[in-house]
C-alpha atoms as a PDB file:
ATOM      1  CA  UNK A   1     185.488 -15.825   5.735  1.00  0.00           C
ATOM      2  CA  UNK A   2     188.406 -13.952   4.150  1.00  0.00           C
ATOM      3  CA  UNK A   3     189.925 -15.602   1.103  1.00  0.00           C
ATOM      4  CA  UNK A   4     193.565 -16.567   1.576  1.00  0.00           C
ATOM      5  CA  UNK A   5     196.207 -14.702  -0.425  1.00  0.00           C
ATOM      6  CA  UNK A   6     197.412 -17.258  -2.970  1.00  0.00           C
ATOM      7  CA  UNK A   7     201.163 -17.592  -3.597  1.00  0.00           C
ATOM      8  CA  UNK A   8     203.287 -19.564  -6.067  1.00  0.00           C
ATOM      9  CA  UNK A   9     206.969 -20.218  -5.238  1.00  0.00           C
ATOM     10  CA  UNK A  10     209.531 -20.412  -8.059  1.00  0.00           C
ATOM     11  CA  UNK A  11     213.153 -21.366  -7.349  1.00  0.00           C
ATOM     12  CA  UNK A  12     215.380 -24.081  -8.791  1.00  0.00           C
ATOM     13  CA  UNK A  13     216.624 -24.989  -5.295  1.00  0.00           C
ATOM     14  CA  UNK A  14     214.164 -27.307  -3.560  1.00  0.00           C
ATOM     15  CA  UNK A  15     215.525 -26.472  -0.116  1.00  0.00           C
ATOM     16  CA  UNK A  16     214.790 -22.766  -0.688  1.00  0.00           C
ATOM     17  CA  UNK A  17     211.214 -23.525  -1.703  1.00  0.00           C
ATOM     18  CA  UNK A  18     210.761 -25.802   1.287  1.00  0.00           C
ATOM     19  CA  UNK A  19     212.005 -23.079   3.620  1.00  0.00           C
ATOM     20  CA  UNK A  20     209.706 -20.482   2.087  1.00  0.00           C
ATOM     21  CA  UNK A  21     206.763 -22.849   2.238  1.00  0.00           C
ATOM     22  CA  UNK A  22     207.327 -23.432   5.952  1.00  0.00           C
ATOM     23  CA  UNK A  23     207.317 -19.675   6.561  1.00  0.00           C
ATOM     24  CA  UNK A  24     204.119 -19.184   4.538  1.00  0.00           C
ATOM     25  CA  UNK A  25     202.329 -22.226   5.981  1.00  0.00           C
ATOM     26  CA  UNK A  26     202.933 -20.948   9.501  1.00  0.00           C
ATOM     27  CA  UNK A  27     201.089 -17.687   8.795  1.00  0.00           C
ATOM     28  CA  UNK A  28     197.386 -16.957   8.630  1.00  0.00           C
ATOM     29  CA  UNK A  29     195.695 -15.526   5.549  1.00  0.00           C
ATOM     30  CA  UNK A  30     198.185 -16.816   2.990  1.00  0.00           C
ATOM     31  CA  UNK A  31     198.690 -20.146   1.267  1.00  0.00           C
ATOM     32  CA  UNK A  32     201.058 -21.724  -1.254  1.00  0.00           C
ATOM     33  CA  UNK A  33     199.031 -22.954  -4.245  1.00  0.00           C
ATOM     34  CA  UNK A  34     201.927 -24.148  -6.401  1.00  0.00           C
ATOM     35  CA  UNK A  35     205.676 -24.515  -6.860  1.00  0.00           C
ATOM     36  CA  UNK A  36     207.952 -24.511  -9.908  1.00  0.00           C
ATOM     37  CA  UNK A  37     211.643 -25.147 -10.592  1.00  0.00           C
ATOM     38  CA  UNK A  38     212.009 -22.468 -13.261  1.00  0.00           C
ATOM     39  CA  UNK A  39     210.172 -19.999 -15.477  1.00  0.00           C
ATOM     40  CA  UNK A  40     209.003 -22.574 -17.998  1.00  0.00           C
ATOM     41  CA  UNK A  41     207.405 -24.733 -15.305  1.00  0.00           C
ATOM     42  CA  UNK A  42     205.800 -21.615 -13.887  1.00  0.00           C
ATOM     43  CA  UNK A  43     204.183 -20.686 -17.208  1.00  0.00           C
ATOM     44  CA  UNK A  44     202.759 -24.202 -17.485  1.00  0.00           C
ATOM     45  CA  UNK A  45     201.507 -23.976 -13.886  1.00  0.00           C
ATOM     46  CA  UNK A  46     199.746 -20.667 -14.579  1.00  0.00           C
ATOM     47  CA  UNK A  47     197.513 -22.483 -17.058  1.00  0.00           C
ATOM     48  CA  UNK A  48     195.978 -24.303 -14.085  1.00  0.00           C
ATOM     49  CA  UNK A  49     196.188 -21.928 -11.111  1.00  0.00           C
ATOM     50  CA  UNK A  50     195.507 -18.217 -10.640  1.00  0.00           C
ATOM     51  CA  UNK A  51     197.631 -16.949  -7.750  1.00  0.00           C
ATOM     52  CA  UNK A  52     197.732 -13.441  -6.341  1.00  0.00           C
ATOM     53  CA  UNK A  53     201.523 -13.365  -6.068  1.00  0.00           C
ATOM     54  CA  UNK A  54     204.504 -15.155  -7.583  1.00  0.00           C
ATOM     55  CA  UNK A  55     207.709 -15.266  -5.521  1.00  0.00           C
ATOM     56  CA  UNK A  56     210.364 -15.625  -8.196  1.00  0.00           C
ATOM     57  CA  UNK A  57     214.130 -16.154  -8.264  1.00  0.00           C
ATOM     58  CA  UNK A  58     216.178 -14.385 -10.945  1.00  0.00           C
ATOM     59  CA  UNK A  59     218.984 -16.886 -11.581  1.00  0.00           C
ATOM     60  CA  UNK A  60     217.219 -19.991 -12.881  1.00  0.00           C
ATOM     61  CA  UNK A  61     217.822 -22.411 -15.761  1.00  0.00           C
ATOM     62  CA  UNK A  62     215.762 -22.216 -18.947  1.00  0.00           C
ATOM     63  CA  UNK A  63     213.486 -19.167 -18.733  1.00  0.00           C
ATOM     64  CA  UNK A  64     215.195 -16.824 -16.304  1.00  0.00           C
ATOM     65  CA  UNK A  65     213.722 -14.308 -13.913  1.00  0.00           C
ATOM     66  CA  UNK A  66     213.598 -11.083 -15.937  1.00  0.00           C
ATOM     67  CA  UNK A  67     212.314 -12.869 -19.047  1.00  0.00           C
ATOM     68  CA  UNK A  68     209.815 -14.767 -16.897  1.00  0.00           C
ATOM     69  CA  UNK A  69     208.401 -11.475 -15.602  1.00  0.00           C
ATOM     70  CA  UNK A  70     207.612 -10.362 -19.150  1.00  0.00           C
ATOM     71  CA  UNK A  71     205.974 -13.705 -19.941  1.00  0.00           C
ATOM     72  CA  UNK A  72     203.946 -13.718 -16.723  1.00  0.00           C
ATOM     73  CA  UNK A  73     202.648 -10.222 -17.378  1.00  0.00           C
ATOM     74  CA  UNK A  74     201.628 -11.166 -20.920  1.00  0.00           C
ATOM     75  CA  UNK A  75     199.542 -14.049 -19.540  1.00  0.00           C
ATOM     76  CA  UNK A  76     198.202 -12.542 -16.303  1.00  0.00           C
ATOM     77  CA  UNK A  77     198.822  -8.757 -16.363  1.00  0.00           C
ATOM     78  CA  UNK A  78     197.397  -8.185 -12.874  1.00  0.00           C
ATOM     79  CA  UNK A  79     199.491 -10.886 -11.198  1.00  0.00           C
ATOM     80  CA  UNK A  80     201.960  -9.452  -8.678  1.00  0.00           C
ATOM     81  CA  UNK A  81     205.596 -10.593  -8.697  1.00  0.00           C
ATOM     82  CA  UNK A  82     208.107 -10.524  -5.841  1.00  0.00           C
ATOM     83  CA  UNK A  83     211.700 -11.205  -6.857  1.00  0.00           C
ATOM     84  CA  UNK A  84     213.579 -13.225  -4.235  1.00  0.00           C
ATOM     85  CA  UNK A  85     217.296 -13.330  -4.977  1.00  0.00           C
ATOM     86  CA  UNK A  86     220.831 -13.310  -3.624  1.00  0.00           C
ATOM     87  CA  UNK A  87     221.891 -10.693  -6.205  1.00  0.00           C
ATOM     88  CA  UNK A  88     222.467  -7.164  -4.914  1.00  0.00           C
ATOM     89  CA  UNK A  89     223.212  -5.514  -8.273  1.00  0.00           C
ATOM     90  CA  UNK A  90     221.177  -2.336  -8.641  1.00  0.00           C
ATOM     91  CA  UNK A  91     220.806  -2.833 -12.397  1.00  0.00           C
ATOM     92  CA  UNK A  92     219.093  -6.168 -11.785  1.00  0.00           C
ATOM     93  CA  UNK A  93     216.696  -4.539  -9.346  1.00  0.00           C
ATOM     94  CA  UNK A  94     216.020  -1.785 -11.890  1.00  0.00           C
ATOM     95  CA  UNK A  95     215.462  -4.320 -14.664  1.00  0.00           C
ATOM     96  CA  UNK A  96     213.081  -6.364 -12.504  1.00  0.00           C
ATOM     97  CA  UNK A  97     210.957  -3.392 -11.458  1.00  0.00           C
ATOM     98  CA  UNK A  98     210.968  -2.019 -15.011  1.00  0.00           C
ATOM     99  CA  UNK A  99     209.792  -5.396 -16.305  1.00  0.00           C
ATOM    100  CA  UNK A 100     206.822  -5.351 -13.933  1.00  0.00           C
ATOM    101  CA  UNK A 101     207.921  -6.821 -10.593  1.00  0.00           C
ATOM    102  CA  UNK A 102     206.350  -5.278  -7.499  1.00  0.00           C
ATOM    103  CA  UNK A 103     209.175  -6.123  -5.136  1.00  0.00           C
ATOM    104  CA  UNK A 104     212.817  -7.145  -4.792  1.00  0.00           C
ATOM    105  CA  UNK A 105     213.732  -9.141  -1.673  1.00  0.00           C
ATOM    106  CA  UNK A 106     217.190 -10.453  -0.824  1.00  0.00           C
ATOM    107  CA  UNK A 107     217.213 -14.089   0.273  1.00  0.00           C
ATOM    108  CA  UNK A 108     219.247 -13.179   3.328  1.00  0.00           C
ATOM    109  CA  UNK A 109     216.325 -10.998   4.475  1.00  0.00           C
ATOM    110  CA  UNK A 110     213.561 -13.502   3.707  1.00  0.00           C
ATOM    111  CA  UNK A 111     213.119 -14.859   7.226  1.00  0.00           C
ATOM    112  CA  UNK A 112     212.312 -11.421   8.648  1.00  0.00           C
ATOM    113  CA  UNK A 113     211.103  -9.461   5.623  1.00  0.00           C
ATOM    114  CA  UNK A 114     209.025 -11.888   3.524  1.00  0.00           C
ATOM    115  CA  UNK A 115     205.700 -10.921   5.053  1.00  0.00           C
ATOM    116  CA  UNK A 116     206.653  -7.249   5.162  1.00  0.00           C
ATOM    117  CA  UNK A 117     207.167  -7.491   1.405  1.00  0.00           C
ATOM    118  CA  UNK A 118     203.953  -9.469   0.838  1.00  0.00           C
ATOM    119  CA  UNK A 119     201.909  -6.998   2.893  1.00  0.00           C
ATOM    120  CA  UNK A 120     203.282  -3.985   1.041  1.00  0.00           C
ATOM    121  CA  UNK A 121     202.689  -5.558  -2.367  1.00  0.00           C
ATOM    122  CA  UNK A 122     199.222  -6.736  -1.328  1.00  0.00           C
ATOM    123  CA  UNK A 123     198.399  -3.113  -0.423  1.00  0.00           C
ATOM    124  CA  UNK A 124     199.506  -1.932  -3.864  1.00  0.00           C
ATOM    125  CA  UNK A 125     202.987  -0.746  -2.968  1.00  0.00           C
ATOM    126  CA  UNK A 126     206.492  -1.581  -4.191  1.00  0.00           C
ATOM    127  CA  UNK A 127     208.954  -3.303  -1.863  1.00  0.00           C
ATOM    128  CA  UNK A 128     212.777  -3.195  -1.848  1.00  0.00           C
ATOM    129  CA  UNK A 129     214.964  -4.999   0.706  1.00  0.00           C
ATOM    130  CA  UNK A 130     216.183  -2.623   3.443  1.00  0.00           C
ATOM    131  CA  UNK A 131     219.815  -3.468   2.640  1.00  0.00           C
ATOM    132  CA  UNK A 132     219.269  -2.124  -0.887  1.00  0.00           C
ATOM    133  CA  UNK A 133     216.820   0.720  -0.384  1.00  0.00           C
ATOM    134  CA  UNK A 134     219.424   3.331   0.606  1.00  0.00           C
ATOM    135  CA  UNK A 135     221.644   2.352  -2.308  1.00  0.00           C
ATOM    136  CA  UNK A 136     218.675   2.530  -4.666  1.00  0.00           C
ATOM    137  CA  UNK A 137     217.777   6.022  -3.481  1.00  0.00           C
ATOM    138  CA  UNK A 138     221.370   7.210  -3.914  1.00  0.00           C
ATOM    139  CA  UNK A 139     221.678   5.529  -7.309  1.00  0.00           C
ATOM    140  CA  UNK A 140     218.469   7.071  -8.627  1.00  0.00           C
ATOM    141  CA  UNK A 141     219.348  10.537  -7.348  1.00  0.00           C
ATOM    142  CA  UNK A 142     222.740  10.356  -9.042  1.00  0.00           C
ATOM    143  CA  UNK A 143     221.088   9.144 -12.219  1.00  0.00           C
ATOM    144  CA  UNK A 144     218.533  11.956 -12.190  1.00  0.00           C
ATOM    145  CA  UNK A 145     221.348  14.478 -11.682  1.00  0.00           C
ATOM    146  CA  UNK A 146     223.203  12.954 -14.623  1.00  0.00           C
ATOM    147  CA  UNK A 147     226.147  11.872 -12.498  1.00  0.00           C
ATOM    148  CA  UNK A 148     225.937   8.220 -13.569  1.00  0.00           C
ATOM    149  CA  UNK A 149     224.069   5.844 -15.803  1.00  0.00           C
ATOM    150  CA  UNK A 150     222.118   2.778 -14.692  1.00  0.00           C
ATOM    151  CA  UNK A 151     224.933   0.568 -15.963  1.00  0.00           C
ATOM    152  CA  UNK A 152     227.371   0.129 -13.024  1.00  0.00           C
ATOM    153  CA  UNK A 153     231.072   0.912 -13.253  1.00  0.00           C
ATOM    154  CA  UNK A 154     230.828   1.790 -16.936  1.00  0.00           C
ATOM    155  CA  UNK A 155     229.613  -1.717 -17.820  1.00  0.00           C
ATOM    156  CA  UNK A 156     228.862  -1.595 -21.575  1.00  0.00           C
ATOM    157  CA  UNK A 157     226.878  -4.838 -21.732  1.00  0.00           C
ATOM    158  CA  UNK A 158     223.171  -5.239 -21.150  1.00  0.00           C
ATOM    159  CA  UNK A 159     221.860  -7.830 -18.704  1.00  0.00           C
ATOM    160  CA  UNK A 160     220.955 -10.173 -21.589  1.00  0.00           C
ATOM    161  CA  UNK A 161     224.403  -9.754 -23.169  1.00  0.00           C
ATOM    162  CA  UNK A 162     226.026 -10.631 -19.851  1.00  0.00           C
ATOM    163  CA  UNK A 163     223.867 -13.759 -19.593  1.00  0.00           C
ATOM    164  CA  UNK A 164     224.934 -14.789 -23.099  1.00  0.00           C
ATOM    165  CA  UNK A 165     228.585 -14.009 -22.374  1.00  0.00           C
ATOM    166  CA  UNK A 166     228.531 -16.023 -19.143  1.00  0.00           C
ATOM    167  CA  UNK A 167     227.175 -19.116 -20.908  1.00  0.00           C
ATOM    168  CA  UNK A 168     229.589 -18.769 -23.822  1.00  0.00           C
ATOM    169  CA  UNK A 169     232.504 -18.394 -21.407  1.00  0.00           C
ATOM    170  CA  UNK A 170     231.325 -21.532 -19.591  1.00  0.00           C
ATOM    171  CA  UNK A 171     231.816 -23.409 -22.860  1.00  0.00           C
ATOM    172  CA  UNK A 172     228.214 -23.687 -24.060  1.00  0.00           C
ATOM    173  CA  UNK A 173     227.595 -23.761 -27.799  1.00  0.00           C
ATOM    174  CA  UNK A 174     225.276 -21.250 -29.463  1.00  0.00           C
ATOM    175  CA  UNK A 175     222.514 -23.862 -29.515  1.00  0.00           C
ATOM    176  CA  UNK A 176     223.008 -24.778 -25.851  1.00  0.00           C
ATOM    177  CA  UNK A 177     223.024 -21.101 -24.902  1.00  0.00           C
ATOM    178  CA  UNK A 178     219.868 -20.555 -26.929  1.00  0.00           C
ATOM    179  CA  UNK A 179     218.130 -23.472 -25.228  1.00  0.00           C
ATOM    180  CA  UNK A 180     219.122 -22.293 -21.740  1.00  0.00           C
ATOM    181  CA  UNK A 181     217.867 -18.750 -22.414  1.00  0.00           C
ATOM    182  CA  UNK A 182     214.827 -19.789 -24.479  1.00  0.00           C
ATOM    183  CA  UNK A 183     215.941 -17.776 -27.502  1.00  0.00           C
ATOM    184  CA  UNK A 184     217.027 -18.780 -31.011  1.00  0.00           C
ATOM    185  CA  UNK A 185     220.630 -19.674 -31.964  1.00  0.00           C
ATOM    186  CA  UNK A 186     220.546 -16.788 -34.453  1.00  0.00           C
ATOM    187  CA  UNK A 187     219.716 -14.386 -31.615  1.00  0.00           C
ATOM    188  CA  UNK A 188     222.673 -15.772 -29.662  1.00  0.00           C
ATOM    189  CA  UNK A 189     224.886 -15.128 -32.697  1.00  0.00           C
ATOM    190  CA  UNK A 190     223.648 -11.538 -32.871  1.00  0.00           C
ATOM    191  CA  UNK A 191     224.306 -11.022 -29.159  1.00  0.00           C
ATOM    192  CA  UNK A 192     227.766 -12.527 -29.504  1.00  0.00           C
ATOM    193  CA  UNK A 193     228.596 -10.198 -32.401  1.00  0.00           C
ATOM    194  CA  UNK A 194     227.331  -7.156 -30.486  1.00  0.00           C
ATOM    195  CA  UNK A 195     229.335  -8.149 -27.403  1.00  0.00           C
ATOM    196  CA  UNK A 196     232.541  -8.523 -29.379  1.00  0.00           C
ATOM    197  CA  UNK A 197     231.939  -5.221 -31.150  1.00  0.00           C
ATOM    198  CA  UNK A 198     231.229  -3.368 -27.899  1.00  0.00           C
ATOM    199  CA  UNK A 199     234.310  -4.805 -26.217  1.00  0.00           C
ATOM    200  CA  UNK A 200     236.495  -4.539 -29.331  1.00  0.00           C
ATOM    201  CA  UNK A 201     237.276  -8.254 -29.002  1.00  0.00           C
ATOM    202  CA  UNK A 202     238.014 -10.560 -31.936  1.00  0.00           C
ATOM    203  CA  UNK A 203     238.834 -13.898 -30.284  1.00  0.00           C
ATOM    204  CA  UNK A 204     236.626 -16.185 -28.205  1.00  0.00           C
ATOM    205  CA  UNK A 205     239.477 -16.653 -25.727  1.00  0.00           C
ATOM    206  CA  UNK A 206     239.367 -12.931 -24.999  1.00  0.00           C
ATOM    207  CA  UNK A 207     235.638 -13.199 -24.271  1.00  0.00           C
ATOM    208  CA  UNK A 208     236.458 -15.747 -21.593  1.00  0.00           C
ATOM    209  CA  UNK A 209     239.175 -13.494 -20.155  1.00  0.00           C
ATOM    210  CA  UNK A 210     236.729 -10.598 -20.010  1.00  0.00           C
ATOM    211  CA  UNK A 211     234.075 -12.729 -18.295  1.00  0.00           C
ATOM    212  CA  UNK A 212     236.646 -13.848 -15.706  1.00  0.00           C
ATOM    213  CA  UNK A 213     237.835 -10.274 -15.122  1.00  0.00           C
ATOM    214  CA  UNK A 214     234.227  -9.197 -14.466  1.00  0.00           C
ATOM    215  CA  UNK A 215     233.615 -12.233 -12.217  1.00  0.00           C
ATOM    216  CA  UNK A 216     230.768 -13.476 -14.369  1.00  0.00           C
ATOM    217  CA  UNK A 217     232.044 -17.060 -13.899  1.00  0.00           C
END
């Protein structure tokens, strides 16, 4: 008898996990062996279960998707990771694959593409949602030709700096931001200083204006 392909679902929206579980439960040869609300719950879960694949959202509270990938790989290096997200930004896809994810699936494609993605990853391949694959190919070709960088539209901030900026602009203190991102308050202070230096901004109010202008809020 063939062993079922074991999957863990990680998303802070219960309804999303329930929908994914229904899709998986209806198929043969795969099974859900655990669920988690966020990256921290996932890491605790991995102390008790050994799945073949983690289906992971990027935008979660506490330990977020990209950071969770690094942590997962440090614990179980051979564990495959499929990012399931609503975010179409190419730099997020690049960051996820660079961190060790084996696939990047848009939530809007999940009903038709989930098992396509699982099959490709199970066979050792890398999966990208069809709605992004053409853009990815174009983006990488332009990058290789030196026509553009991986940061879109001249965006000077890294993904982590944008996460910090978003939380600061939402009114979170350094400690609250640190807790939400699972980093130290001192690291938040360093990020804040780098952000202000990069943007040539001196006032917190201008940070908020910048975040609004970039639609980070």
